[in-house]
Amino acid sequence: MPREIFPSSYECDCGHQSHFFENTIKEMKAKSHKKRVRLGDFAAHEHYIVFYKGEMVDIICPHEDERSV
């Protein structure tokens, strides 16, 4: 289960950690009250943090495709 590391970092099930500025997270959580939004971390293997209704609901991991094959 992906988890939020307070105040502005997230950890994927694969162990990857994404770090953002606190204001960026506040803006994304505010935008997510109206619709589902995602935030990419722009690392070599890009992960997307998905927000909905003001909370992180999922992390889209590029390694999930590799594990399911």
C-alpha atoms as a PDB file:
ATOM      1  CA  MET A   1       0.000   0.000   0.000  1.00  0.00           C
ATOM      2  CA  PRO A   2       1.508   3.359  -1.015  1.00  0.00           C
ATOM      3  CA  ARG A   3       1.908   5.775   1.863  1.00  0.00           C
ATOM      4  CA  GLU A   4       2.245   9.481   2.527  1.00  0.00           C
ATOM      5  CA  ILE A   5       5.344  10.606   4.422  1.00  0.00           C
ATOM      6  CA  PHE A   6       4.310  13.856   6.088  1.00  0.00           C
ATOM      7  CA  PRO A   7       4.461  16.642   4.998  1.00  0.00           C
ATOM      8  CA  SER A   8       5.166  16.297   1.263  1.00  0.00           C
ATOM      9  CA  SER A   9       6.727  12.957   0.324  1.00  0.00           C
ATOM     10  CA  TYR A  10       5.244   9.663  -0.842  1.00  0.00           C
ATOM     11  CA  GLU A  11       6.540   6.087  -0.913  1.00  0.00           C
ATOM     12  CA  CYS A  12       5.506   3.524  -3.508  1.00  0.00           C
ATOM     13  CA  ASP A  13       5.182  -0.218  -2.849  1.00  0.00           C
ATOM     14  CA  CYS A  14       8.376  -0.723  -4.885  1.00  0.00           C
ATOM     15  CA  GLY A  15      10.292   1.436  -2.376  1.00  0.00           C
ATOM     16  CA  HIS A  16      10.620   4.563  -4.554  1.00  0.00           C
ATOM     17  CA  GLN A  17      10.177   7.838  -2.681  1.00  0.00           C
ATOM     18  CA  SER A  18       8.856  10.996  -4.353  1.00  0.00           C
ATOM     19  CA  HIS A  19       9.575  14.352  -2.722  1.00  0.00           C
ATOM     20  CA  PHE A  20       7.758  17.625  -3.440  1.00  0.00           C
ATOM     21  CA  PHE A  21       7.435  21.132  -2.021  1.00  0.00           C
ATOM     22  CA  GLU A  22       4.678  21.459   0.594  1.00  0.00           C
ATOM     23  CA  ASN A  23       2.875  24.155  -1.421  1.00  0.00           C
ATOM     24  CA  THR A  24       2.754  21.880  -4.468  1.00  0.00           C
ATOM     25  CA  ILE A  25       1.012  19.186  -2.434  1.00  0.00           C
ATOM     26  CA  LYS A  26      -1.442  21.712  -0.942  1.00  0.00           C
ATOM     27  CA  GLU A  27      -2.332  22.929  -4.454  1.00  0.00           C
ATOM     28  CA  MET A  28      -2.828  19.394  -5.778  1.00  0.00           C
ATOM     29  CA  LYS A  29      -5.014  18.414  -2.827  1.00  0.00           C
ATOM     30  CA  ALA A  30      -7.125  21.554  -3.351  1.00  0.00           C
ATOM     31  CA  LYS A  31      -7.522  20.863  -7.092  1.00  0.00           C
ATOM     32  CA  SER A  32      -8.454  17.246  -6.407  1.00  0.00           C
ATOM     33  CA  HIS A  33     -11.696  18.230  -4.642  1.00  0.00           C
ATOM     34  CA  LYS A  34     -13.237  18.873  -8.071  1.00  0.00           C
ATOM     35  CA  LYS A  35     -11.616  16.076 -10.091  1.00  0.00           C
ATOM     36  CA  ARG A  36      -8.978  13.347  -9.957  1.00  0.00           C
ATOM     37  CA  VAL A  37      -5.487  14.806 -10.556  1.00  0.00           C
ATOM     38  CA  ARG A  38      -2.010  13.312 -10.728  1.00  0.00           C
ATOM     39  CA  LEU A  39       1.454  14.631 -10.005  1.00  0.00           C
ATOM     40  CA  GLY A  40       4.608  13.190 -11.619  1.00  0.00           C
ATOM     41  CA  ASP A  41       7.992  13.178  -9.927  1.00  0.00           C
ATOM     42  CA  PHE A  42      10.159  13.272 -13.101  1.00  0.00           C
ATOM     43  CA  ALA A  43      12.669  10.697 -11.860  1.00  0.00           C
ATOM     44  CA  ALA A  44      14.315   8.202 -14.205  1.00  0.00           C
ATOM     45  CA  HIS A  45      11.362   5.833 -13.616  1.00  0.00           C
ATOM     46  CA  GLU A  46       8.541   8.334 -13.278  1.00  0.00           C
ATOM     47  CA  HIS A  47       5.895   7.660 -10.649  1.00  0.00           C
ATOM     48  CA  TYR A  48       2.556   9.500 -10.572  1.00  0.00           C
ATOM     49  CA  ILE A  49       0.828  10.354  -7.315  1.00  0.00           C
ATOM     50  CA  VAL A  50      -2.967  10.375  -7.756  1.00  0.00           C
ATOM     51  CA  PHE A  51      -5.112  12.687  -5.622  1.00  0.00           C
ATOM     52  CA  TYR A  52      -8.896  12.626  -5.273  1.00  0.00           C
ATOM     53  CA  LYS A  53     -11.188  14.433  -2.830  1.00  0.00           C
ATOM     54  CA  GLY A  54      -8.217  16.080  -1.117  1.00  0.00           C
ATOM     55  CA  GLU A  55      -6.244  12.898  -0.427  1.00  0.00           C
ATOM     56  CA  MET A  56      -3.625  10.696  -2.080  1.00  0.00           C
ATOM     57  CA  VAL A  57      -5.490   7.636  -3.367  1.00  0.00           C
ATOM     58  CA  ASP A  58      -2.861   5.814  -5.430  1.00  0.00           C
ATOM     59  CA  ILE A  59       0.628   5.845  -6.901  1.00  0.00           C
ATOM     60  CA  ILE A  60       1.026   4.777 -10.520  1.00  0.00           C
ATOM     61  CA  CYS A  61       4.284   2.824 -10.641  1.00  0.00           C
ATOM     62  CA  PRO A  62       6.207   2.065 -13.866  1.00  0.00           C
ATOM     63  CA  HIS A  63       7.489  -1.137 -12.243  1.00  0.00           C
ATOM     64  CA  GLU A  64       3.982  -2.634 -11.920  1.00  0.00           C
ATOM     65  CA  ASP A  65       4.023  -3.590 -15.612  1.00  0.00           C
ATOM     66  CA  GLU A  66       7.376  -5.339 -15.169  1.00  0.00           C
ATOM     67  CA  ARG A  67       6.142  -7.329 -12.149  1.00  0.00           C
ATOM     68  CA  SER A  68       2.936  -8.497 -13.825  1.00  0.00           C
ATOM     69  CA  VAL A  69       4.747 -10.000 -16.854  1.00  0.00           C
END
